[in-house]
Amino acid sequence: MTPATTNSLAPWLEIPDGHRALAFYKSAFDATETYRYDNPEGGFVVRLNANSAEFWLSYEGPKSSGEPASALGGNNLRLILTVPDPDAVFAKAIAAGATQVYAVSEDHGWRIGRLIDPFGLHWEIGKPL
C-alpha cells in the first residue's frame, strides 16, 4: 500500500561536490538518507532527514562538457533549520567545516545563529522562543 501524501515543501540542493556535501550534511546535521537514487553517470539524488527536517541533495556526476558549475548561495538563498538545541547543532556544523556568520544569540523572538556551509549556502540554525 502506498503511504498517503501530505503537502510539504523541501529545498533541493544541487551541489557540484556532491559526495563531500553529503558527508558534510550527515556530519553537521546528523542527516540520514531516506531515499537514494544513483544514476549510471556517477551522480545521485538523495532525500535527507535531519531530525524531521527534510531536504534533497543531488549531484549530476562528472560533466563531459567541462562547463564550470555556477556559484551557490549568498544572500539570495537562506535555509532555516529549526531544532530544539540550536547551540549544539550550530557548534557541530562549525566543527564539521562550516563558517560562522554570526553566533547563536536571541534576536527577533528566536535563539538563532547563521553560518555558511563549505559549499557557499547560508543556514540559520535556531528555534522560536
N, C-alpha and C. Protein backbone atom coordinates (compact mmCIF):
# COMPACT_ATOMS: atom_id res chain seq x y z
N MET A 1 0.85 -1.18 0.00
CA MET A 1 0.00 0.00 0.00
C MET A 1 0.89 1.24 0.00
N THR A 2 0.56 2.23 -0.82
CA THR A 2 1.31 3.48 -0.91
C THR A 2 0.91 4.40 0.23
N PRO A 3 1.92 5.00 0.94
CA PRO A 3 1.58 5.90 2.03
C PRO A 3 0.87 7.16 1.51
N ALA A 4 0.03 7.76 2.35
CA ALA A 4 -0.68 8.97 1.98
C ALA A 4 0.32 10.10 1.77
N THR A 5 0.04 10.96 0.82
CA THR A 5 0.88 12.12 0.55
C THR A 5 0.27 13.34 1.20
N THR A 6 1.10 14.12 1.88
CA THR A 6 0.64 15.36 2.50
C THR A 6 1.39 16.53 1.86
N ASN A 7 0.86 17.73 2.01
CA ASN A 7 1.53 18.91 1.49
C ASN A 7 2.83 19.13 2.25
N SER A 8 3.88 19.48 1.52
CA SER A 8 5.16 19.80 2.15
C SER A 8 5.98 20.60 1.15
N LEU A 9 7.01 21.25 1.66
CA LEU A 9 7.95 21.99 0.83
C LEU A 9 9.34 21.71 1.37
N ALA A 10 10.23 21.24 0.52
CA ALA A 10 11.59 20.91 0.96
C ALA A 10 12.58 21.46 -0.06
N PRO A 11 13.64 22.11 0.39
CA PRO A 11 14.65 22.59 -0.55
C PRO A 11 15.36 21.44 -1.25
N TRP A 12 15.77 21.70 -2.48
CA TRP A 12 16.53 20.74 -3.27
C TRP A 12 17.85 21.42 -3.60
N LEU A 13 18.94 20.90 -3.08
CA LEU A 13 20.26 21.48 -3.28
C LEU A 13 21.00 20.67 -4.33
N GLU A 14 21.48 21.34 -5.36
CA GLU A 14 22.31 20.68 -6.36
C GLU A 14 23.71 21.23 -6.20
N ILE A 15 24.62 20.38 -5.75
CA ILE A 15 25.96 20.83 -5.38
C ILE A 15 26.99 20.07 -6.22
N PRO A 16 27.88 20.82 -6.89
CA PRO A 16 28.87 20.16 -7.75
C PRO A 16 29.76 19.14 -7.02
N ASP A 17 30.08 19.38 -5.76
CA ASP A 17 30.90 18.46 -4.98
C ASP A 17 29.97 17.60 -4.12
N GLY A 18 29.12 16.83 -4.79
CA GLY A 18 28.04 16.12 -4.12
C GLY A 18 28.45 15.14 -3.04
N HIS A 19 29.49 14.38 -3.28
CA HIS A 19 29.90 13.39 -2.27
C HIS A 19 30.38 14.08 -0.99
N ARG A 20 31.14 15.17 -1.16
CA ARG A 20 31.61 15.93 0.01
C ARG A 20 30.43 16.60 0.72
N ALA A 21 29.48 17.12 -0.05
CA ALA A 21 28.29 17.77 0.54
C ALA A 21 27.49 16.75 1.35
N LEU A 22 27.29 15.57 0.81
CA LEU A 22 26.54 14.54 1.52
C LEU A 22 27.22 14.20 2.84
N ALA A 23 28.52 14.04 2.82
CA ALA A 23 29.25 13.73 4.06
C ALA A 23 29.13 14.88 5.06
N PHE A 24 29.20 16.13 4.58
CA PHE A 24 29.09 17.28 5.47
C PHE A 24 27.72 17.32 6.14
N TYR A 25 26.63 17.19 5.38
CA TYR A 25 25.28 17.29 5.96
C TYR A 25 25.01 16.15 6.94
N LYS A 26 25.54 14.99 6.66
CA LYS A 26 25.40 13.88 7.61
C LYS A 26 26.16 14.18 8.90
N SER A 27 27.35 14.72 8.78
CA SER A 27 28.17 15.02 9.96
C SER A 27 27.64 16.23 10.72
N ALA A 28 27.35 17.30 10.01
CA ALA A 28 26.96 18.56 10.66
C ALA A 28 25.57 18.52 11.27
N PHE A 29 24.62 17.90 10.58
CA PHE A 29 23.22 17.95 11.00
C PHE A 29 22.65 16.58 11.37
N ASP A 30 23.49 15.56 11.47
CA ASP A 30 23.04 14.18 11.74
C ASP A 30 21.98 13.74 10.73
N ALA A 31 22.09 14.21 9.50
CA ALA A 31 21.12 13.86 8.47
C ALA A 31 21.25 12.39 8.08
N THR A 32 20.13 11.78 7.81
CA THR A 32 20.11 10.39 7.35
C THR A 32 19.41 10.33 5.99
N GLU A 33 19.83 9.40 5.17
CA GLU A 33 19.21 9.22 3.87
C GLU A 33 17.90 8.47 4.03
N THR A 34 16.83 9.04 3.47
CA THR A 34 15.54 8.35 3.49
C THR A 34 15.14 7.88 2.10
N TYR A 35 15.89 8.32 1.09
CA TYR A 35 15.69 7.91 -0.30
C TYR A 35 17.01 8.12 -1.01
N ARG A 36 17.32 7.25 -1.94
CA ARG A 36 18.54 7.42 -2.74
C ARG A 36 18.34 6.81 -4.11
N TYR A 37 18.77 7.55 -5.12
CA TYR A 37 18.82 7.06 -6.49
C TYR A 37 20.21 7.36 -7.02
N ASP A 38 20.92 6.35 -7.49
CA ASP A 38 22.23 6.52 -8.10
C ASP A 38 22.06 6.38 -9.60
N ASN A 39 22.51 7.39 -10.36
CA ASN A 39 22.38 7.30 -11.81
C ASN A 39 23.62 6.66 -12.42
N PRO A 40 23.49 6.12 -13.61
CA PRO A 40 24.61 5.40 -14.23
C PRO A 40 25.82 6.28 -14.54
N GLU A 41 25.63 7.60 -14.62
CA GLU A 41 26.74 8.51 -14.93
C GLU A 41 27.57 8.87 -13.69
N GLY A 42 27.24 8.32 -12.53
CA GLY A 42 28.00 8.57 -11.32
C GLY A 42 27.40 9.60 -10.39
N GLY A 43 26.25 10.13 -10.75
CA GLY A 43 25.57 11.09 -9.89
C GLY A 43 24.56 10.42 -8.97
N PHE A 44 23.87 11.23 -8.19
CA PHE A 44 22.86 10.70 -7.29
C PHE A 44 21.84 11.77 -6.92
N VAL A 45 20.73 11.29 -6.39
CA VAL A 45 19.72 12.13 -5.76
C VAL A 45 19.40 11.46 -4.43
N VAL A 46 19.47 12.23 -3.33
CA VAL A 46 19.11 11.69 -2.02
C VAL A 46 18.14 12.64 -1.32
N ARG A 47 17.24 12.06 -0.58
CA ARG A 47 16.39 12.83 0.33
C ARG A 47 17.00 12.64 1.71
N LEU A 48 17.23 13.74 2.40
CA LEU A 48 17.85 13.69 3.71
C LEU A 48 16.86 14.14 4.77
N ASN A 49 16.98 13.55 5.94
CA ASN A 49 16.15 13.91 7.08
C ASN A 49 17.08 14.26 8.23
N ALA A 50 16.98 15.52 8.70
CA ALA A 50 17.78 15.98 9.83
C ALA A 50 16.82 16.28 10.97
N ASN A 51 16.58 15.29 11.82
CA ASN A 51 15.67 15.45 12.96
C ASN A 51 14.31 15.96 12.50
N SER A 52 13.74 15.32 11.49
CA SER A 52 12.43 15.60 10.90
C SER A 52 12.43 16.75 9.91
N ALA A 53 13.54 17.45 9.71
CA ALA A 53 13.62 18.48 8.67
C ALA A 53 14.12 17.81 7.40
N GLU A 54 13.33 17.91 6.34
CA GLU A 54 13.65 17.20 5.11
C GLU A 54 14.21 18.14 4.06
N PHE A 55 15.26 17.69 3.36
CA PHE A 55 15.76 18.39 2.20
C PHE A 55 16.39 17.38 1.25
N TRP A 56 16.57 17.80 0.01
CA TRP A 56 17.10 16.94 -1.04
C TRP A 56 18.48 17.43 -1.45
N LEU A 57 19.30 16.51 -1.91
CA LEU A 57 20.62 16.83 -2.42
C LEU A 57 20.83 16.03 -3.69
N SER A 58 21.31 16.71 -4.72
CA SER A 58 21.63 15.97 -5.94
C SER A 58 23.02 16.35 -6.43
N TYR A 59 23.59 15.41 -7.14
CA TYR A 59 24.90 15.56 -7.76
C TYR A 59 24.78 14.93 -9.13
N GLU A 60 25.08 15.70 -10.16
CA GLU A 60 24.91 15.21 -11.53
C GLU A 60 25.98 14.22 -11.96
N GLY A 61 27.08 14.17 -11.24
CA GLY A 61 28.17 13.31 -11.64
C GLY A 61 29.15 14.10 -12.50
N PRO A 62 30.20 13.46 -12.93
CA PRO A 62 31.19 14.16 -13.77
C PRO A 62 30.53 14.67 -15.06
N LYS A 63 30.77 15.93 -15.38
CA LYS A 63 30.19 16.52 -16.59
C LYS A 63 31.18 16.38 -17.74
N SER A 64 30.67 15.95 -18.87
CA SER A 64 31.55 15.78 -20.02
C SER A 64 31.79 17.09 -20.76
N SER A 65 30.95 18.11 -20.54
CA SER A 65 31.08 19.36 -21.28
C SER A 65 32.23 20.23 -20.77
N GLY A 66 32.71 20.00 -19.57
CA GLY A 66 33.75 20.83 -18.99
C GLY A 66 33.23 22.19 -18.55
N GLU A 67 31.93 22.37 -18.57
CA GLU A 67 31.31 23.64 -18.19
C GLU A 67 31.45 23.85 -16.69
N PRO A 68 31.93 25.05 -16.25
CA PRO A 68 32.08 25.28 -14.82
C PRO A 68 30.73 25.36 -14.12
N ALA A 69 30.69 24.93 -12.89
CA ALA A 69 29.46 24.99 -12.10
C ALA A 69 29.16 26.42 -11.72
N SER A 70 27.88 26.75 -11.60
CA SER A 70 27.50 28.09 -11.19
C SER A 70 27.71 28.25 -9.69
N ALA A 71 27.87 29.50 -9.26
CA ALA A 71 28.08 29.79 -7.84
C ALA A 71 26.83 29.46 -7.04
N LEU A 72 27.02 29.04 -5.80
CA LEU A 72 25.91 28.71 -4.92
C LEU A 72 25.72 29.78 -3.87
N GLY A 73 24.50 29.87 -3.38
CA GLY A 73 24.22 30.59 -2.15
C GLY A 73 24.31 32.09 -2.20
N GLY A 74 24.94 32.65 -1.17
CA GLY A 74 24.95 34.07 -0.97
C GLY A 74 23.69 34.48 -0.22
N ASN A 75 23.41 35.77 -0.25
CA ASN A 75 22.24 36.26 0.48
C ASN A 75 20.93 36.01 -0.26
N ASN A 76 20.97 35.53 -1.49
CA ASN A 76 19.74 35.30 -2.22
C ASN A 76 19.02 34.02 -1.79
N LEU A 77 19.66 33.20 -1.00
CA LEU A 77 19.04 31.97 -0.51
C LEU A 77 19.55 31.69 0.89
N ARG A 78 18.63 31.51 1.82
CA ARG A 78 19.00 31.07 3.17
C ARG A 78 18.09 29.91 3.54
N LEU A 79 18.66 28.96 4.22
CA LEU A 79 17.90 27.82 4.72
C LEU A 79 17.79 27.99 6.23
N ILE A 80 16.61 27.78 6.76
CA ILE A 80 16.41 27.88 8.21
C ILE A 80 16.15 26.47 8.73
N LEU A 81 17.04 26.00 9.58
CA LEU A 81 16.90 24.69 10.22
C LEU A 81 16.46 24.93 11.65
N THR A 82 15.22 24.58 11.95
CA THR A 82 14.66 24.76 13.28
C THR A 82 14.88 23.48 14.08
N VAL A 83 15.55 23.62 15.22
CA VAL A 83 15.95 22.48 16.04
C VAL A 83 15.73 22.80 17.52
N PRO A 84 15.61 21.77 18.37
CA PRO A 84 15.42 22.02 19.80
C PRO A 84 16.63 22.68 20.48
N ASP A 85 17.85 22.37 20.02
CA ASP A 85 19.07 22.90 20.66
C ASP A 85 19.95 23.54 19.60
N PRO A 86 19.67 24.80 19.20
CA PRO A 86 20.45 25.42 18.14
C PRO A 86 21.93 25.59 18.49
N ASP A 87 22.25 25.80 19.76
CA ASP A 87 23.66 25.95 20.15
C ASP A 87 24.46 24.70 19.82
N ALA A 88 23.91 23.54 20.13
CA ALA A 88 24.61 22.28 19.89
C ALA A 88 24.73 21.99 18.39
N VAL A 89 23.66 22.18 17.64
CA VAL A 89 23.70 21.92 16.20
C VAL A 89 24.65 22.89 15.50
N PHE A 90 24.61 24.14 15.90
CA PHE A 90 25.49 25.16 15.33
C PHE A 90 26.96 24.78 15.57
N ALA A 91 27.28 24.42 16.80
CA ALA A 91 28.66 24.04 17.15
C ALA A 91 29.10 22.82 16.35
N LYS A 92 28.21 21.86 16.17
CA LYS A 92 28.54 20.65 15.42
C LYS A 92 28.81 20.99 13.95
N ALA A 93 28.00 21.90 13.38
CA ALA A 93 28.20 22.30 11.99
C ALA A 93 29.53 23.04 11.82
N ILE A 94 29.88 23.89 12.75
CA ILE A 94 31.16 24.60 12.70
C ILE A 94 32.31 23.59 12.78
N ALA A 95 32.19 22.63 13.67
CA ALA A 95 33.22 21.59 13.80
C ALA A 95 33.35 20.76 12.52
N ALA A 96 32.24 20.62 11.78
CA ALA A 96 32.25 19.83 10.54
C ALA A 96 32.78 20.62 9.35
N GLY A 97 33.02 21.93 9.53
CA GLY A 97 33.61 22.70 8.45
C GLY A 97 32.86 23.93 8.00
N ALA A 98 31.74 24.27 8.65
CA ALA A 98 31.01 25.49 8.31
C ALA A 98 31.74 26.71 8.86
N THR A 99 31.39 27.89 8.36
CA THR A 99 31.97 29.15 8.80
C THR A 99 30.89 30.01 9.44
N GLN A 100 31.18 30.54 10.60
CA GLN A 100 30.21 31.37 11.32
C GLN A 100 30.03 32.72 10.64
N VAL A 101 28.76 33.12 10.46
CA VAL A 101 28.43 34.48 10.03
C VAL A 101 28.13 35.29 11.28
N TYR A 102 27.23 34.77 12.11
CA TYR A 102 27.03 35.34 13.45
C TYR A 102 26.65 34.22 14.41
N ALA A 103 27.11 34.36 15.64
CA ALA A 103 26.94 33.33 16.66
C ALA A 103 25.48 33.21 17.07
N VAL A 104 25.13 32.10 17.66
CA VAL A 104 23.79 31.88 18.18
C VAL A 104 23.53 32.88 19.30
N SER A 105 22.41 33.58 19.18
CA SER A 105 22.01 34.55 20.20
C SER A 105 20.49 34.70 20.13
N GLU A 106 19.95 35.55 20.98
CA GLU A 106 18.50 35.78 20.97
C GLU A 106 18.21 37.06 20.20
N ASP A 107 17.34 36.93 19.17
CA ASP A 107 17.02 38.05 18.32
C ASP A 107 15.66 37.81 17.66
N HIS A 108 14.82 38.82 17.63
CA HIS A 108 13.52 38.75 16.96
C HIS A 108 12.66 37.57 17.45
N GLY A 109 12.75 37.26 18.73
CA GLY A 109 11.94 36.17 19.28
C GLY A 109 12.47 34.77 19.00
N TRP A 110 13.71 34.69 18.56
CA TRP A 110 14.34 33.41 18.25
C TRP A 110 15.68 33.30 18.96
N ARG A 111 16.10 32.09 19.21
CA ARG A 111 17.51 31.79 19.55
C ARG A 111 18.07 31.27 18.23
N ILE A 112 18.99 32.02 17.61
CA ILE A 112 19.37 31.71 16.23
C ILE A 112 20.79 32.18 15.93
N GLY A 113 21.47 31.44 15.07
CA GLY A 113 22.79 31.80 14.56
C GLY A 113 22.83 31.52 13.08
N ARG A 114 23.80 32.11 12.42
CA ARG A 114 23.90 31.94 10.96
C ARG A 114 25.31 31.49 10.59
N LEU A 115 25.37 30.53 9.65
CA LEU A 115 26.64 30.01 9.17
C LEU A 115 26.58 29.79 7.68
N ILE A 116 27.77 29.60 7.10
CA ILE A 116 27.89 29.26 5.68
C ILE A 116 28.51 27.87 5.61
N ASP A 117 27.85 26.97 4.87
CA ASP A 117 28.41 25.63 4.74
C ASP A 117 29.59 25.67 3.76
N PRO A 118 30.35 24.59 3.66
CA PRO A 118 31.54 24.61 2.79
C PRO A 118 31.22 24.81 1.30
N PHE A 119 29.94 24.84 0.94
CA PHE A 119 29.54 24.95 -0.46
C PHE A 119 28.94 26.31 -0.78
N GLY A 120 28.97 27.24 0.21
CA GLY A 120 28.51 28.60 -0.01
C GLY A 120 27.07 28.87 0.37
N LEU A 121 26.36 27.88 0.90
CA LEU A 121 24.96 28.07 1.27
C LEU A 121 24.86 28.60 2.70
N HIS A 122 23.96 29.56 2.89
CA HIS A 122 23.74 30.17 4.20
C HIS A 122 22.64 29.41 4.95
N TRP A 123 22.93 29.05 6.19
CA TRP A 123 21.99 28.33 7.05
C TRP A 123 21.78 29.15 8.31
N GLU A 124 20.54 29.30 8.71
CA GLU A 124 20.21 29.86 10.01
C GLU A 124 19.74 28.68 10.85
N ILE A 125 20.38 28.49 11.99
CA ILE A 125 20.07 27.39 12.89
C ILE A 125 19.43 28.01 14.12
N GLY A 126 18.18 27.62 14.41
CA GLY A 126 17.53 28.27 15.53
C GLY A 126 16.26 27.62 15.99
N LYS A 127 15.62 28.30 16.95
CA LYS A 127 14.31 27.88 17.45
C LYS A 127 13.58 29.11 17.95
N PRO A 128 12.24 29.12 17.81
CA PRO A 128 11.49 30.25 18.37
C PRO A 128 11.50 30.19 19.90
N LEU A 129 11.50 31.37 20.52
CA LEU A 129 11.48 31.43 21.99
C LEU A 129 10.06 31.48 22.49
